[in-house]
Amino acid sequence: MNPFDASRRRLLGAGAATAALHAVPGVQVVRDARAAAAGRVLVSIHLTGGNDTLNTVIPYASPRYAQIRGALAIPRASVLRLDATSGLHPSLSRIKALWDARRVAIVHGVGYPQFDYSHFQAMEIFWTADPLRTTNSGWLGRSLDAIRAGVAAPDPLSGVSIGGGGAASLLTRGFTAPQL
């Protein structure tokens, strides 16, 4: 098995390990992010492969959900309810706790005009946040460029990619985000 083929469990394990980095002397990833953003840290998770969106954030109140999903539908009683219409998969209780504490947000319906069903174009637009495809930098990379602008000695770990191949969304004009 390729060690870079991440399952959801491996991804969550890596996420937990990354969150623990702030306790390691000399590694300032979380500490610097907190200091720079008044306690706010952005974690962007991109799962390549088959994330089942409808069974991650579940539209449990829709009668069509159970119809369409059939045997894959999560029973309504098992859904971790976020509101009157949607909820999380039962195995996402830790994310639900963050939701309840108002420490996580879920963004639905992200897309772009004139979607043509090209997976590769969609991924490029997702990474760059540029539907016109006029830039070679990623949306997170441009954010890091803006954050790092004017900082005399910016922390090289202000943006980190975990997993194989790097993150195209972290491509910047000013530096290369390290990969763990």
C-alpha atoms as a PDB file:
ATOM      1  CA  MET A   1       0.000   0.000   0.000  1.00  0.00           C
ATOM      2  CA  ASN A   2       1.293   3.439  -0.904  1.00  0.00           C
ATOM      3  CA  PRO A   3       1.774   5.395   2.350  1.00  0.00           C
ATOM      4  CA  PHE A   4       0.415   8.515   0.650  1.00  0.00           C
ATOM      5  CA  ASP A   5      -2.948   6.934  -0.236  1.00  0.00           C
ATOM      6  CA  ALA A   6      -4.846   8.467   2.656  1.00  0.00           C
ATOM      7  CA  SER A   7      -8.032   6.950   3.964  1.00  0.00           C
ATOM      8  CA  ARG A   8     -10.378   9.135   5.967  1.00  0.00           C
ATOM      9  CA  ARG A   9      -9.115   7.522   9.178  1.00  0.00           C
ATOM     10  CA  ARG A  10      -5.507   8.174   8.209  1.00  0.00           C
ATOM     11  CA  LEU A  11      -6.407  11.772   7.314  1.00  0.00           C
ATOM     12  CA  LEU A  12      -8.135  12.332  10.658  1.00  0.00           C
ATOM     13  CA  GLY A  13      -5.151  10.758  12.431  1.00  0.00           C
ATOM     14  CA  ALA A  14      -2.777  13.068  10.559  1.00  0.00           C
ATOM     15  CA  GLY A  15      -5.015  16.010  11.434  1.00  0.00           C
ATOM     16  CA  ALA A  16      -4.910  15.104  15.113  1.00  0.00           C
ATOM     17  CA  ALA A  17      -1.135  14.730  14.944  1.00  0.00           C
ATOM     18  CA  THR A  18      -0.828  18.106  13.252  1.00  0.00           C
ATOM     19  CA  ALA A  19      -2.987  19.723  15.899  1.00  0.00           C
ATOM     20  CA  ALA A  20      -0.629  18.275  18.515  1.00  0.00           C
ATOM     21  CA  LEU A  21       2.388  19.956  16.874  1.00  0.00           C
ATOM     22  CA  HIS A  22       1.913  23.040  19.033  1.00  0.00           C
ATOM     23  CA  ALA A  23       3.098  21.020  22.023  1.00  0.00           C
ATOM     24  CA  VAL A  24       6.431  20.161  20.393  1.00  0.00           C
ATOM     25  CA  PRO A  25       9.196  22.626  21.314  1.00  0.00           C
ATOM     26  CA  GLY A  26      10.458  24.594  18.307  1.00  0.00           C
ATOM     27  CA  VAL A  27       7.413  23.938  16.127  1.00  0.00           C
ATOM     28  CA  GLN A  28       5.278  27.055  16.082  1.00  0.00           C
ATOM     29  CA  VAL A  29       2.531  26.164  13.585  1.00  0.00           C
ATOM     30  CA  VAL A  30      -0.470  26.519  15.871  1.00  0.00           C
ATOM     31  CA  ARG A  31       1.072  29.062  18.222  1.00  0.00           C
ATOM     32  CA  ASP A  32       1.952  31.450  15.376  1.00  0.00           C
ATOM     33  CA  ALA A  33      -1.438  31.039  13.724  1.00  0.00           C
ATOM     34  CA  ARG A  34      -3.164  31.826  17.001  1.00  0.00           C
ATOM     35  CA  ALA A  35      -0.957  34.835  17.664  1.00  0.00           C
ATOM     36  CA  ALA A  36      -1.443  36.208  14.155  1.00  0.00           C
ATOM     37  CA  ALA A  37      -5.192  35.587  13.970  1.00  0.00           C
ATOM     38  CA  ALA A  38      -6.450  36.096  17.521  1.00  0.00           C
ATOM     39  CA  GLY A  39      -7.023  32.399  18.165  1.00  0.00           C
ATOM     40  CA  ARG A  40      -8.387  31.484  14.747  1.00  0.00           C
ATOM     41  CA  VAL A  41      -6.826  28.767  12.617  1.00  0.00           C
ATOM     42  CA  LEU A  42      -7.988  27.709   9.165  1.00  0.00           C
ATOM     43  CA  VAL A  43      -7.765  24.019   8.376  1.00  0.00           C
ATOM     44  CA  SER A  44      -8.683  23.135   4.815  1.00  0.00           C
ATOM     45  CA  ILE A  45      -9.164  19.441   4.135  1.00  0.00           C
ATOM     46  CA  HIS A  46      -9.124  18.213   0.577  1.00  0.00           C
ATOM     47  CA  LEU A  47      -9.860  14.533   0.149  1.00  0.00           C
ATOM     48  CA  THR A  48      -8.864  13.184  -3.209  1.00  0.00           C
ATOM     49  CA  GLY A  49     -11.064  10.295  -4.023  1.00  0.00           C
ATOM     50  CA  GLY A  50     -14.533   9.384  -2.976  1.00  0.00           C
ATOM     51  CA  ASN A  51     -15.814  11.521  -0.170  1.00  0.00           C
ATOM     52  CA  ASP A  52     -19.524  10.760  -0.057  1.00  0.00           C
ATOM     53  CA  THR A  53     -20.812  14.292   0.413  1.00  0.00           C
ATOM     54  CA  LEU A  54     -24.412  13.263   1.032  1.00  0.00           C
ATOM     55  CA  ASN A  55     -23.353  10.952   3.833  1.00  0.00           C
ATOM     56  CA  THR A  56     -20.927  13.460   5.352  1.00  0.00           C
ATOM     57  CA  VAL A  57     -23.303  16.411   5.663  1.00  0.00           C
ATOM     58  CA  ILE A  58     -26.667  14.671   5.460  1.00  0.00           C
ATOM     59  CA  PRO A  59     -29.877  16.367   4.265  1.00  0.00           C
ATOM     60  CA  TYR A  60     -31.844  14.105   6.612  1.00  0.00           C
ATOM     61  CA  ALA A  61     -35.069  16.161   6.460  1.00  0.00           C
ATOM     62  CA  SER A  62     -35.397  15.701   2.715  1.00  0.00           C
ATOM     63  CA  PRO A  63     -37.606  12.735   1.790  1.00  0.00           C
ATOM     64  CA  ARG A  64     -35.578  12.372  -1.400  1.00  0.00           C
ATOM     65  CA  TYR A  65     -32.387  11.671   0.564  1.00  0.00           C
ATOM     66  CA  ALA A  66     -33.558   8.222   1.718  1.00  0.00           C
ATOM     67  CA  GLN A  67     -35.128   7.533  -1.692  1.00  0.00           C
ATOM     68  CA  ILE A  68     -32.014   8.355  -3.653  1.00  0.00           C
ATOM     69  CA  ARG A  69     -29.461   6.866  -1.251  1.00  0.00           C
ATOM     70  CA  GLY A  70     -31.359   3.637  -0.623  1.00  0.00           C
ATOM     71  CA  ALA A  71     -29.256   1.242   1.472  1.00  0.00           C
ATOM     72  CA  LEU A  72     -26.496   3.866   1.793  1.00  0.00           C
ATOM     73  CA  ALA A  73     -28.792   6.323   3.589  1.00  0.00           C
ATOM     74  CA  ILE A  74     -27.885   7.007   7.201  1.00  0.00           C
ATOM     75  CA  PRO A  75     -30.927   6.353   9.414  1.00  0.00           C
ATOM     76  CA  ARG A  76     -32.502   9.623  10.524  1.00  0.00           C
ATOM     77  CA  ALA A  77     -32.189   8.679  14.199  1.00  0.00           C
ATOM     78  CA  SER A  78     -28.404   8.217  13.810  1.00  0.00           C
ATOM     79  CA  VAL A  79     -27.702  11.598  12.202  1.00  0.00           C
ATOM     80  CA  LEU A  80     -25.886  14.151  14.368  1.00  0.00           C
ATOM     81  CA  ARG A  81     -28.257  17.066  13.776  1.00  0.00           C
ATOM     82  CA  LEU A  82     -26.820  20.466  12.941  1.00  0.00           C
ATOM     83  CA  ASP A  83     -30.166  22.134  12.319  1.00  0.00           C
ATOM     84  CA  ALA A  84     -33.707  21.272  11.224  1.00  0.00           C
ATOM     85  CA  THR A  85     -32.600  20.059   7.785  1.00  0.00           C
ATOM     86  CA  SER A  86     -29.042  18.729   7.890  1.00  0.00           C
ATOM     87  CA  GLY A  87     -26.679  16.798  10.107  1.00  0.00           C
ATOM     88  CA  LEU A  88     -23.385  14.955  10.207  1.00  0.00           C
ATOM     89  CA  HIS A  89     -22.528  11.299   9.798  1.00  0.00           C
ATOM     90  CA  PRO A  90     -22.586   9.537  13.201  1.00  0.00           C
ATOM     91  CA  SER A  91     -18.805   8.960  13.106  1.00  0.00           C
ATOM     92  CA  LEU A  92     -18.188  12.737  13.022  1.00  0.00           C
ATOM     93  CA  SER A  93     -19.034  13.387  16.672  1.00  0.00           C
ATOM     94  CA  ARG A  94     -15.824  15.353  17.277  1.00  0.00           C
ATOM     95  CA  ILE A  95     -16.625  17.717  14.417  1.00  0.00           C
ATOM     96  CA  LYS A  96     -20.159  18.004  15.794  1.00  0.00           C
ATOM     97  CA  ALA A  97     -18.690  19.041  19.154  1.00  0.00           C
ATOM     98  CA  LEU A  98     -16.678  21.748  17.378  1.00  0.00           C
ATOM     99  CA  TRP A  99     -19.883  22.841  15.592  1.00  0.00           C
ATOM    100  CA  ASP A 100     -21.708  23.075  18.917  1.00  0.00           C
ATOM    101  CA  ALA A 101     -18.848  25.174  20.306  1.00  0.00           C
ATOM    102  CA  ARG A 102     -19.057  27.440  17.216  1.00  0.00           C
ATOM    103  CA  ARG A 103     -15.509  26.493  16.249  1.00  0.00           C
ATOM    104  CA  VAL A 104     -16.220  24.956  12.838  1.00  0.00           C
ATOM    105  CA  ALA A 105     -18.260  26.006   9.818  1.00  0.00           C
ATOM    106  CA  ILE A 106     -19.645  23.997   6.931  1.00  0.00           C
ATOM    107  CA  VAL A 107     -19.885  25.624   3.519  1.00  0.00           C
ATOM    108  CA  HIS A 108     -22.448  24.092   1.139  1.00  0.00           C
ATOM    109  CA  GLY A 109     -22.896  24.526  -2.574  1.00  0.00           C
ATOM    110  CA  VAL A 110     -19.464  25.792  -3.500  1.00  0.00           C
ATOM    111  CA  GLY A 111     -19.222  26.017  -7.256  1.00  0.00           C
ATOM    112  CA  TYR A 112     -18.610  28.243 -10.226  1.00  0.00           C
ATOM    113  CA  PRO A 113     -20.559  29.535 -13.226  1.00  0.00           C
ATOM    114  CA  GLN A 114     -20.856  27.431 -16.372  1.00  0.00           C
ATOM    115  CA  PHE A 115     -19.795  24.184 -14.722  1.00  0.00           C
ATOM    116  CA  ASP A 116     -18.958  21.732 -17.515  1.00  0.00           C
ATOM    117  CA  TYR A 117     -18.580  18.534 -15.419  1.00  0.00           C
ATOM    118  CA  SER A 118     -14.842  18.334 -16.086  1.00  0.00           C
ATOM    119  CA  HIS A 119     -13.265  16.908 -12.953  1.00  0.00           C
ATOM    120  CA  PHE A 120      -9.843  18.287 -13.866  1.00  0.00           C
ATOM    121  CA  GLN A 121     -11.080  21.818 -14.582  1.00  0.00           C
ATOM    122  CA  ALA A 122     -13.131  21.739 -11.383  1.00  0.00           C
ATOM    123  CA  MET A 123     -10.056  20.734  -9.361  1.00  0.00           C
ATOM    124  CA  GLU A 124      -7.944  23.490 -10.933  1.00  0.00           C
ATOM    125  CA  ILE A 125     -10.625  26.061 -10.158  1.00  0.00           C
ATOM    126  CA  PHE A 126     -11.015  24.685  -6.619  1.00  0.00           C
ATOM    127  CA  TRP A 127      -7.265  25.017  -5.998  1.00  0.00           C
ATOM    128  CA  THR A 128      -6.911  28.494  -7.503  1.00  0.00           C
ATOM    129  CA  ALA A 129     -10.370  30.004  -6.784  1.00  0.00           C
ATOM    130  CA  ASP A 130     -10.087  31.437 -10.281  1.00  0.00           C
ATOM    131  CA  PRO A 131     -12.787  30.258 -12.699  1.00  0.00           C
ATOM    132  CA  LEU A 132     -11.182  32.324 -15.470  1.00  0.00           C
ATOM    133  CA  ARG A 133      -7.911  30.449 -14.916  1.00  0.00           C
ATOM    134  CA  THR A 134      -5.684  33.528 -14.991  1.00  0.00           C
ATOM    135  CA  THR A 135      -3.394  32.690 -12.059  1.00  0.00           C
ATOM    136  CA  ASN A 136      -0.920  29.953 -11.195  1.00  0.00           C
ATOM    137  CA  SER A 137      -1.095  30.446  -7.452  1.00  0.00           C
ATOM    138  CA  GLY A 138      -3.546  28.781  -5.098  1.00  0.00           C
ATOM    139  CA  TRP A 139      -6.213  30.524  -3.049  1.00  0.00           C
ATOM    140  CA  LEU A 140      -4.536  29.544   0.208  1.00  0.00           C
ATOM    141  CA  GLY A 141      -1.158  30.547  -1.189  1.00  0.00           C
ATOM    142  CA  ARG A 142      -2.407  34.026  -2.084  1.00  0.00           C
ATOM    143  CA  SER A 143      -3.813  34.330   1.422  1.00  0.00           C
ATOM    144  CA  LEU A 144      -0.450  33.351   2.879  1.00  0.00           C
ATOM    145  CA  ASP A 145       1.311  35.856   0.604  1.00  0.00           C
ATOM    146  CA  ALA A 146      -0.981  38.580   1.970  1.00  0.00           C
ATOM    147  CA  ILE A 147      -0.480  37.491   5.592  1.00  0.00           C
ATOM    148  CA  ARG A 148       3.286  37.269   5.191  1.00  0.00           C
ATOM    149  CA  ALA A 149       3.603  40.630   3.375  1.00  0.00           C
ATOM    150  CA  GLY A 150       5.432  43.110   5.539  1.00  0.00           C
ATOM    151  CA  VAL A 151       6.530  40.504   8.083  1.00  0.00           C
ATOM    152  CA  ALA A 152      10.298  40.819   8.567  1.00  0.00           C
ATOM    153  CA  ALA A 153      10.894  37.138   9.338  1.00  0.00           C
ATOM    154  CA  PRO A 154       7.762  35.176   8.418  1.00  0.00           C
ATOM    155  CA  ASP A 155       7.354  31.739   9.898  1.00  0.00           C
ATOM    156  CA  PRO A 156       8.108  29.134   7.206  1.00  0.00           C
ATOM    157  CA  LEU A 157       5.429  26.914   8.764  1.00  0.00           C
ATOM    158  CA  SER A 158       2.607  29.443   8.393  1.00  0.00           C
ATOM    159  CA  GLY A 159       1.164  27.127   5.750  1.00  0.00           C
ATOM    160  CA  VAL A 160       1.785  23.371   5.697  1.00  0.00           C
ATOM    161  CA  SER A 161       0.656  20.612   3.361  1.00  0.00           C
ATOM    162  CA  ILE A 162       0.203  17.131   4.786  1.00  0.00           C
ATOM    163  CA  GLY A 163       0.209  14.149   2.459  1.00  0.00           C
ATOM    164  CA  GLY A 164       1.707  13.190  -0.882  1.00  0.00           C
ATOM    165  CA  GLY A 165       2.218  15.545  -3.765  1.00  0.00           C
ATOM    166  CA  GLY A 166       1.777  18.888  -2.017  1.00  0.00           C
ATOM    167  CA  ALA A 167      -1.307  21.054  -2.157  1.00  0.00           C
ATOM    168  CA  ALA A 168      -1.893  23.075  -5.317  1.00  0.00           C
ATOM    169  CA  SER A 169      -4.066  25.458  -3.293  1.00  0.00           C
ATOM    170  CA  LEU A 170      -0.945  26.397  -1.277  1.00  0.00           C
ATOM    171  CA  LEU A 171       1.082  27.516  -4.315  1.00  0.00           C
ATOM    172  CA  THR A 172       2.284  31.033  -3.560  1.00  0.00           C
ATOM    173  CA  ARG A 173       4.212  33.763  -5.264  1.00  0.00           C
ATOM    174  CA  GLY A 174       6.511  34.345  -2.318  1.00  0.00           C
ATOM    175  CA  PHE A 175       7.505  31.000  -0.805  1.00  0.00           C
ATOM    176  CA  THR A 176       6.974  27.261  -0.965  1.00  0.00           C
ATOM    177  CA  ALA A 177       4.804  25.829   1.788  1.00  0.00           C
ATOM    178  CA  PRO A 178       6.516  22.859   3.422  1.00  0.00           C
ATOM    179  CA  GLN A 179       5.054  19.399   3.015  1.00  0.00           C
ATOM    180  CA  LEU A 180       4.867  16.939   5.900  1.00  0.00           C
END
